[in-house]
Amino acid sequence: MLDIHSLPLAPKIILVIGFAIGITSFILLLRYQIILILMKFKPGYRESVRKEIARKKIKNNRR
Protein backbone atom coordinates (compact mmCIF):
# COMPACT_ATOMS: atom_id res chain seq x y z
CA MET A 1 0.00 0.00 0.00
CA LEU A 2 1.27 3.44 -0.90
CA ASP A 3 1.63 6.01 1.86
CA ILE A 4 0.51 9.25 0.22
CA HIS A 5 1.85 11.42 3.05
CA SER A 6 5.41 10.25 2.44
CA LEU A 7 5.41 11.27 -1.24
CA PRO A 8 7.01 14.52 -2.42
CA LEU A 9 4.78 17.30 -3.74
CA ALA A 10 5.16 16.61 -7.48
CA PRO A 11 4.01 12.96 -7.35
CA LYS A 12 1.08 13.99 -5.14
CA ILE A 13 -0.01 16.51 -7.77
CA ILE A 14 0.40 13.95 -10.56
CA LEU A 15 -1.62 11.44 -8.56
CA VAL A 16 -4.46 13.93 -7.98
CA ILE A 17 -4.48 14.94 -11.66
CA GLY A 18 -4.57 11.28 -12.68
CA PHE A 19 -7.54 10.55 -10.44
CA ALA A 20 -9.34 13.66 -11.72
CA ILE A 21 -8.82 12.61 -15.34
CA GLY A 22 -9.99 9.07 -14.51
CA ILE A 23 -13.16 10.22 -12.79
CA THR A 24 -13.92 12.71 -15.57
CA SER A 25 -13.49 10.11 -18.29
CA PHE A 26 -15.66 7.67 -16.33
CA ILE A 27 -18.43 10.26 -16.06
CA LEU A 28 -18.17 11.16 -19.75
CA LEU A 29 -18.27 7.49 -20.72
CA LEU A 30 -21.39 6.79 -18.69
CA ARG A 31 -23.21 10.13 -19.10
CA TYR A 32 -26.14 8.68 -21.03
CA GLN A 33 -26.62 5.85 -18.55
CA ILE A 34 -26.50 8.35 -15.68
CA ILE A 35 -29.14 10.50 -17.41
CA LEU A 36 -31.36 7.46 -17.92
CA ILE A 37 -31.04 6.44 -14.28
CA LEU A 38 -31.86 9.96 -13.11
CA MET A 39 -34.86 10.09 -15.44
CA LYS A 40 -36.15 6.81 -14.01
CA PHE A 41 -35.91 7.83 -10.37
CA LYS A 42 -36.71 11.57 -10.54
CA PRO A 43 -39.82 12.57 -12.53
CA GLY A 44 -38.92 16.26 -12.18
CA TYR A 45 -35.62 15.65 -13.93
CA ARG A 46 -37.44 13.76 -16.68
CA GLU A 47 -39.71 16.75 -17.31
CA SER A 48 -36.79 19.18 -17.39
CA VAL A 49 -34.99 16.99 -19.96
CA ARG A 50 -38.13 16.85 -22.12
CA LYS A 51 -38.52 20.65 -21.98
CA GLU A 52 -34.87 21.14 -22.87
CA ILE A 53 -35.12 18.78 -25.85
CA ALA A 54 -38.28 20.56 -27.06
CA ARG A 55 -36.56 23.93 -26.66
CA LYS A 56 -33.55 22.74 -28.71
CA LYS A 57 -35.81 21.39 -31.47
CA ILE A 58 -37.65 24.72 -31.70
CA LYS A 59 -34.35 26.60 -31.76
CA ASN A 60 -32.95 24.35 -34.52
CA ASN A 61 -36.13 24.66 -36.63
CA ARG A 62 -35.91 28.46 -36.57
CA ARG A 63 -32.49 28.42 -38.21
PDB file of N, CA and C in Angstrom:
ATOM      1  N   MET A   1       0.841  -1.177   0.000  1.00  0.00           N
ATOM      2  CA  MET A   1       0.000   0.000   0.000  1.00  0.00           C
ATOM      3  C   MET A   1       0.887   1.242   0.000  1.00  0.00           C
ATOM      4  N   LEU A   2       0.490   2.223  -0.751  1.00  0.00           N
ATOM      5  CA  LEU A   2       1.274   3.444  -0.904  1.00  0.00           C
ATOM      6  C   LEU A   2       0.888   4.451   0.174  1.00  0.00           C
ATOM      7  N   ASP A   3       1.885   4.975   0.869  1.00  0.00           N
ATOM      8  CA  ASP A   3       1.630   6.013   1.863  1.00  0.00           C
ATOM      9  C   ASP A   3       1.712   7.358   1.160  1.00  0.00           C
ATOM     10  N   ILE A   4       0.581   7.992   0.981  1.00  0.00           N
ATOM     11  CA  ILE A   4       0.512   9.247   0.220  1.00  0.00           C
ATOM     12  C   ILE A   4       1.244  10.370   0.953  1.00  0.00           C
ATOM     13  N   HIS A   5       1.222  10.344   2.274  1.00  0.00           N
ATOM     14  CA  HIS A   5       1.850  11.419   3.052  1.00  0.00           C
ATOM     15  C   HIS A   5       3.370  11.415   2.926  1.00  0.00           C
ATOM     16  N   SER A   6       3.955  10.305   2.552  1.00  0.00           N
ATOM     17  CA  SER A   6       5.413  10.254   2.440  1.00  0.00           C
ATOM     18  C   SER A   6       5.912  10.661   1.049  1.00  0.00           C
ATOM     19  N   LEU A   7       5.011  10.878   0.108  1.00  0.00           N
ATOM     20  CA  LEU A   7       5.408  11.271  -1.243  1.00  0.00           C
ATOM     21  C   LEU A   7       5.798  12.742  -1.300  1.00  0.00           C
ATOM     22  N   PRO A   8       6.719  13.101  -2.189  1.00  0.00           N
ATOM     23  CA  PRO A   8       7.008  14.519  -2.419  1.00  0.00           C
ATOM     24  C   PRO A   8       5.818  15.208  -3.106  1.00  0.00           C
ATOM     25  N   LEU A   9       5.900  16.512  -3.231  1.00  0.00           N
ATOM     26  CA  LEU A   9       4.781  17.299  -3.741  1.00  0.00           C
ATOM     27  C   LEU A   9       4.430  16.970  -5.193  1.00  0.00           C
ATOM     28  N   ALA A  10       5.423  16.850  -6.056  1.00  0.00           N
ATOM     29  CA  ALA A  10       5.164  16.609  -7.483  1.00  0.00           C
ATOM     30  C   ALA A  10       4.405  15.295  -7.728  1.00  0.00           C
ATOM     31  N   PRO A  11       4.798  14.178  -7.148  1.00  0.00           N
ATOM     32  CA  PRO A  11       4.015  12.959  -7.350  1.00  0.00           C
ATOM     33  C   PRO A  11       2.603  13.036  -6.772  1.00  0.00           C
ATOM     34  N   LYS A  12       2.424  13.793  -5.688  1.00  0.00           N
ATOM     35  CA  LYS A  12       1.079  13.992  -5.144  1.00  0.00           C
ATOM     36  C   LYS A  12       0.196  14.709  -6.157  1.00  0.00           C
ATOM     37  N   ILE A  13       0.741  15.738  -6.768  1.00  0.00           N
ATOM     38  CA  ILE A  13      -0.011  16.506  -7.768  1.00  0.00           C
ATOM     39  C   ILE A  13      -0.327  15.622  -8.963  1.00  0.00           C
ATOM     40  N   ILE A  14       0.625  14.848  -9.426  1.00  0.00           N
ATOM     41  CA  ILE A  14       0.403  13.946 -10.556  1.00  0.00           C
ATOM     42  C   ILE A  14      -0.664  12.914 -10.211  1.00  0.00           C
ATOM     43  N   LEU A  15      -0.636  12.413  -9.000  1.00  0.00           N
ATOM     44  CA  LEU A  15      -1.622  11.438  -8.556  1.00  0.00           C
ATOM     45  C   LEU A  15      -3.028  12.036  -8.530  1.00  0.00           C
ATOM     46  N   VAL A  16      -3.153  13.249  -8.020  1.00  0.00           N
ATOM     47  CA  VAL A  16      -4.456  13.931  -7.978  1.00  0.00           C
ATOM     48  C   VAL A  16      -4.960  14.209  -9.385  1.00  0.00           C
ATOM     49  N   ILE A  17      -4.084  14.665 -10.273  1.00  0.00           N
ATOM     50  CA  ILE A  17      -4.475  14.937 -11.661  1.00  0.00           C
ATOM     51  C   ILE A  17      -4.914  13.641 -12.345  1.00  0.00           C
ATOM     52  N   GLY A  18      -4.212  12.566 -12.091  1.00  0.00           N
ATOM     53  CA  GLY A  18      -4.572  11.279 -12.679  1.00  0.00           C
ATOM     54  C   GLY A  18      -5.944  10.811 -12.226  1.00  0.00           C
ATOM     55  N   PHE A  19      -6.221  10.926 -10.933  1.00  0.00           N
ATOM     56  CA  PHE A  19      -7.544  10.553 -10.438  1.00  0.00           C
ATOM     57  C   PHE A  19      -8.626  11.444 -11.022  1.00  0.00           C
ATOM     58  N   ALA A  20      -8.354  12.740 -11.152  1.00  0.00           N
ATOM     59  CA  ALA A  20      -9.337  13.662 -11.717  1.00  0.00           C
ATOM     60  C   ALA A  20      -9.642  13.312 -13.171  1.00  0.00           C
ATOM     61  N   ILE A  21      -8.611  12.996 -13.943  1.00  0.00           N
ATOM     62  CA  ILE A  21      -8.818  12.606 -15.337  1.00  0.00           C
ATOM     63  C   ILE A  21      -9.596  11.297 -15.408  1.00  0.00           C
ATOM     64  N   GLY A  22      -9.278  10.353 -14.542  1.00  0.00           N
ATOM     65  CA  GLY A  22      -9.986   9.074 -14.514  1.00  0.00           C
ATOM     66  C   GLY A  22     -11.458   9.228 -14.182  1.00  0.00           C
ATOM     67  N   ILE A  23     -11.769  10.011 -13.178  1.00  0.00           N
ATOM     68  CA  ILE A  23     -13.164  10.224 -12.791  1.00  0.00           C
ATOM     69  C   ILE A  23     -13.917  10.967 -13.889  1.00  0.00           C
ATOM     70  N   THR A  24     -13.286  11.967 -14.486  1.00  0.00           N
ATOM     71  CA  THR A  24     -13.922  12.714 -15.574  1.00  0.00           C
ATOM     72  C   THR A  24     -14.204  11.816 -16.769  1.00  0.00           C
ATOM     73  N   SER A  25     -13.268  10.991 -17.146  1.00  0.00           N
ATOM     74  CA  SER A  25     -13.487  10.109 -18.288  1.00  0.00           C
ATOM     75  C   SER A  25     -14.562   9.068 -17.984  1.00  0.00           C
ATOM     76  N   PHE A  26     -14.624   8.607 -16.738  1.00  0.00           N
ATOM     77  CA  PHE A  26     -15.661   7.668 -16.335  1.00  0.00           C
ATOM     78  C   PHE A  26     -17.039   8.304 -16.436  1.00  0.00           C
ATOM     79  N   ILE A  27     -17.157   9.548 -15.989  1.00  0.00           N
ATOM     80  CA  ILE A  27     -18.435  10.258 -16.057  1.00  0.00           C
ATOM     81  C   ILE A  27     -18.816  10.516 -17.512  1.00  0.00           C
ATOM     82  N   LEU A  28     -17.865  10.912 -18.348  1.00  0.00           N
ATOM     83  CA  LEU A  28     -18.166  11.159 -19.754  1.00  0.00           C
ATOM     84  C   LEU A  28     -18.555   9.877 -20.478  1.00  0.00           C
ATOM     85  N   LEU A  29     -17.950   8.769 -20.103  1.00  0.00           N
ATOM     86  CA  LEU A  29     -18.270   7.491 -20.724  1.00  0.00           C
ATOM     87  C   LEU A  29     -19.683   7.045 -20.373  1.00  0.00           C
ATOM     88  N   LEU A  30     -20.089   7.276 -19.145  1.00  0.00           N
ATOM     89  CA  LEU A  30     -21.388   6.791 -18.686  1.00  0.00           C
ATOM     90  C   LEU A  30     -22.449   7.892 -18.577  1.00  0.00           C
ATOM     91  N   ARG A  31     -22.279   9.013 -19.279  1.00  0.00           N
ATOM     92  CA  ARG A  31     -23.209  10.126 -19.102  1.00  0.00           C
ATOM     93  C   ARG A  31     -24.627   9.775 -19.530  1.00  0.00           C
ATOM     94  N   TYR A  32     -24.793   9.021 -20.590  1.00  0.00           N
ATOM     95  CA  TYR A  32     -26.144   8.678 -21.033  1.00  0.00           C
ATOM     96  C   TYR A  32     -26.812   7.701 -20.068  1.00  0.00           C
ATOM     97  N   GLN A  33     -26.065   6.772 -19.529  1.00  0.00           N
ATOM     98  CA  GLN A  33     -26.623   5.850 -18.554  1.00  0.00           C
ATOM     99  C   GLN A  33     -27.002   6.583 -17.275  1.00  0.00           C
ATOM    100  N   ILE A  34     -26.185   7.559 -16.868  1.00  0.00           N
ATOM    101  CA  ILE A  34     -26.499   8.347 -15.681  1.00  0.00           C
ATOM    102  C   ILE A  34     -27.771   9.155 -15.903  1.00  0.00           C
ATOM    103  N   ILE A  35     -27.921   9.742 -17.091  1.00  0.00           N
ATOM    104  CA  ILE A  35     -29.137  10.498 -17.410  1.00  0.00           C
ATOM    105  C   ILE A  35     -30.351   9.586 -17.368  1.00  0.00           C
ATOM    106  N   LEU A  36     -30.239   8.390 -17.929  1.00  0.00           N
ATOM    107  CA  LEU A  36     -31.364   7.463 -17.916  1.00  0.00           C
ATOM    108  C   LEU A  36     -31.739   7.036 -16.500  1.00  0.00           C
ATOM    109  N   ILE A  37     -30.755   6.813 -15.661  1.00  0.00           N
ATOM    110  CA  ILE A  37     -31.035   6.438 -14.275  1.00  0.00           C
ATOM    111  C   ILE A  37     -31.718   7.590 -13.540  1.00  0.00           C
ATOM    112  N   LEU A  38     -31.229   8.805 -13.743  1.00  0.00           N
ATOM    113  CA  LEU A  38     -31.863   9.955 -13.106  1.00  0.00           C
ATOM    114  C   LEU A  38     -33.287  10.154 -13.594  1.00  0.00           C
ATOM    115  N   MET A  39     -33.517   9.933 -14.895  1.00  0.00           N
ATOM    116  CA  MET A  39     -34.858  10.088 -15.437  1.00  0.00           C
ATOM    117  C   MET A  39     -35.812   9.040 -14.862  1.00  0.00           C
ATOM    118  N   LYS A  40     -35.300   7.867 -14.560  1.00  0.00           N
ATOM    119  CA  LYS A  40     -36.147   6.805 -14.014  1.00  0.00           C
ATOM    120  C   LYS A  40     -36.562   7.106 -12.571  1.00  0.00           C
ATOM    121  N   PHE A  41     -35.644   7.642 -11.790  1.00  0.00           N
ATOM    122  CA  PHE A  41     -35.912   7.831 -10.366  1.00  0.00           C
ATOM    123  C   PHE A  41     -36.443   9.212  -9.997  1.00  0.00           C
ATOM    124  N   LYS A  42     -36.258  10.209 -10.860  1.00  0.00           N
ATOM    125  CA  LYS A  42     -36.715  11.569 -10.538  1.00  0.00           C
ATOM    126  C   LYS A  42     -37.606  12.093 -11.668  1.00  0.00           C
ATOM    127  N   PRO A  43     -38.912  12.084 -11.478  1.00  0.00           N
ATOM    128  CA  PRO A  43     -39.824  12.570 -12.528  1.00  0.00           C
ATOM    129  C   PRO A  43     -39.596  14.048 -12.868  1.00  0.00           C
ATOM    130  N   GLY A  44     -39.196  14.846 -11.907  1.00  0.00           N
ATOM    131  CA  GLY A  44     -38.919  16.262 -12.176  1.00  0.00           C
ATOM    132  C   GLY A  44     -37.765  16.429 -13.150  1.00  0.00           C
ATOM    133  N   TYR A  45     -36.751  15.595 -13.009  1.00  0.00           N
ATOM    134  CA  TYR A  45     -35.615  15.647 -13.931  1.00  0.00           C
ATOM    135  C   TYR A  45     -36.047  15.229 -15.337  1.00  0.00           C
ATOM    136  N   ARG A  46     -36.924  14.229 -15.396  1.00  0.00           N
ATOM    137  CA  ARG A  46     -37.437  13.758 -16.681  1.00  0.00           C
ATOM    138  C   ARG A  46     -38.156  14.887 -17.415  1.00  0.00           C
ATOM    139  N   GLU A  47     -38.981  15.632 -16.699  1.00  0.00           N
ATOM    140  CA  GLU A  47     -39.709  16.747 -17.313  1.00  0.00           C
ATOM    141  C   GLU A  47     -38.757  17.847 -17.773  1.00  0.00           C
ATOM    142  N   SER A  48     -37.730  18.129 -16.981  1.00  0.00           N
ATOM    143  CA  SER A  48     -36.787  19.178 -17.386  1.00  0.00           C
ATOM    144  C   SER A  48     -36.013  18.762 -18.634  1.00  0.00           C
ATOM    145  N   VAL A  49     -35.689  17.473 -18.763  1.00  0.00           N
ATOM    146  CA  VAL A  49     -34.993  16.993 -19.961  1.00  0.00           C
ATOM    147  C   VAL A  49     -35.914  17.103 -21.178  1.00  0.00           C
ATOM    148  N   ARG A  50     -37.174  16.740 -21.007  1.00  0.00           N
ATOM    149  CA  ARG A  50     -38.133  16.853 -22.119  1.00  0.00           C
ATOM    150  C   ARG A  50     -38.282  18.300 -22.571  1.00  0.00           C
ATOM    151  N   LYS A  51     -38.386  19.225 -21.624  1.00  0.00           N
ATOM    152  CA  LYS A  51     -38.518  20.647 -21.975  1.00  0.00           C
ATOM    153  C   LYS A  51     -37.276  21.140 -22.703  1.00  0.00           C
ATOM    154  N   GLU A  52     -36.115  20.713 -22.236  1.00  0.00           N
ATOM    155  CA  GLU A  52     -34.866  21.138 -22.871  1.00  0.00           C
ATOM    156  C   GLU A  52     -34.756  20.606 -24.297  1.00  0.00           C
ATOM    157  N   ILE A  53     -35.159  19.357 -24.504  1.00  0.00           N
ATOM    158  CA  ILE A  53     -35.122  18.781 -25.852  1.00  0.00           C
ATOM    159  C   ILE A  53     -36.094  19.518 -26.758  1.00  0.00           C
ATOM    160  N   ALA A  54     -37.289  19.818 -26.256  1.00  0.00           N
ATOM    161  CA  ALA A  54     -38.275  20.558 -27.055  1.00  0.00           C
ATOM    162  C   ALA A  54     -37.755  21.955 -27.388  1.00  0.00           C
ATOM    163  N   ARG A  55     -37.108  22.597 -26.430  1.00  0.00           N
ATOM    164  CA  ARG A  55     -36.555  23.934 -26.656  1.00  0.00           C
ATOM    165  C   ARG A  55     -35.458  23.888 -27.722  1.00  0.00           C
ATOM    166  N   LYS A  56     -34.616  22.854 -27.699  1.00  0.00           N
ATOM    167  CA  LYS A  56     -33.553  22.736 -28.706  1.00  0.00           C
ATOM    168  C   LYS A  56     -34.124  22.469 -30.086  1.00  0.00           C
ATOM    169  N   LYS A  57     -35.196  21.665 -30.175  1.00  0.00           N
ATOM    170  CA  LYS A  57     -35.813  21.392 -31.467  1.00  0.00           C
ATOM    171  C   LYS A  57     -36.406  22.657 -32.056  1.00  0.00           C
ATOM    172  N   ILE A  58     -37.071  23.468 -31.231  1.00  0.00           N
ATOM    173  CA  ILE A  58     -37.651  24.721 -31.701  1.00  0.00           C
ATOM    174  C   ILE A  58     -36.544  25.659 -32.160  1.00  0.00           C
ATOM    175  N   LYS A  59     -35.464  25.732 -31.398  1.00  0.00           N
ATOM    176  CA  LYS A  59     -34.345  26.597 -31.760  1.00  0.00           C
ATOM    177  C   LYS A  59     -33.706  26.165 -33.069  1.00  0.00           C
ATOM    178  N   ASN A  60     -33.556  24.839 -33.292  1.00  0.00           N
ATOM    179  CA  ASN A  60     -32.951  24.352 -34.521  1.00  0.00           C
ATOM    180  C   ASN A  60     -33.878  24.535 -35.722  1.00  0.00           C
ATOM    181  N   ASN A  61     -35.183  24.478 -35.528  1.00  0.00           N
ATOM    182  CA  ASN A  61     -36.131  24.660 -36.626  1.00  0.00           C
ATOM    183  C   ASN A  61     -36.183  26.108 -37.084  1.00  0.00           C
ATOM    184  N   ARG A  62     -35.889  27.039 -36.217  1.00  0.00           N
ATOM    185  CA  ARG A  62     -35.910  28.461 -36.570  1.00  0.00           C
ATOM    186  C   ARG A  62     -34.749  28.840 -37.476  1.00  0.00           C
ATOM    187  N   ARG A  63     -33.689  28.080 -37.419  1.00  0.00           N
ATOM    188  CA  ARG A  63     -32.488  28.416 -38.206  1.00  0.00           C
ATOM    189  C   ARG A  63     -32.659  28.050 -39.619  1.00  0.00           C
TER     190      ARG A  63
END
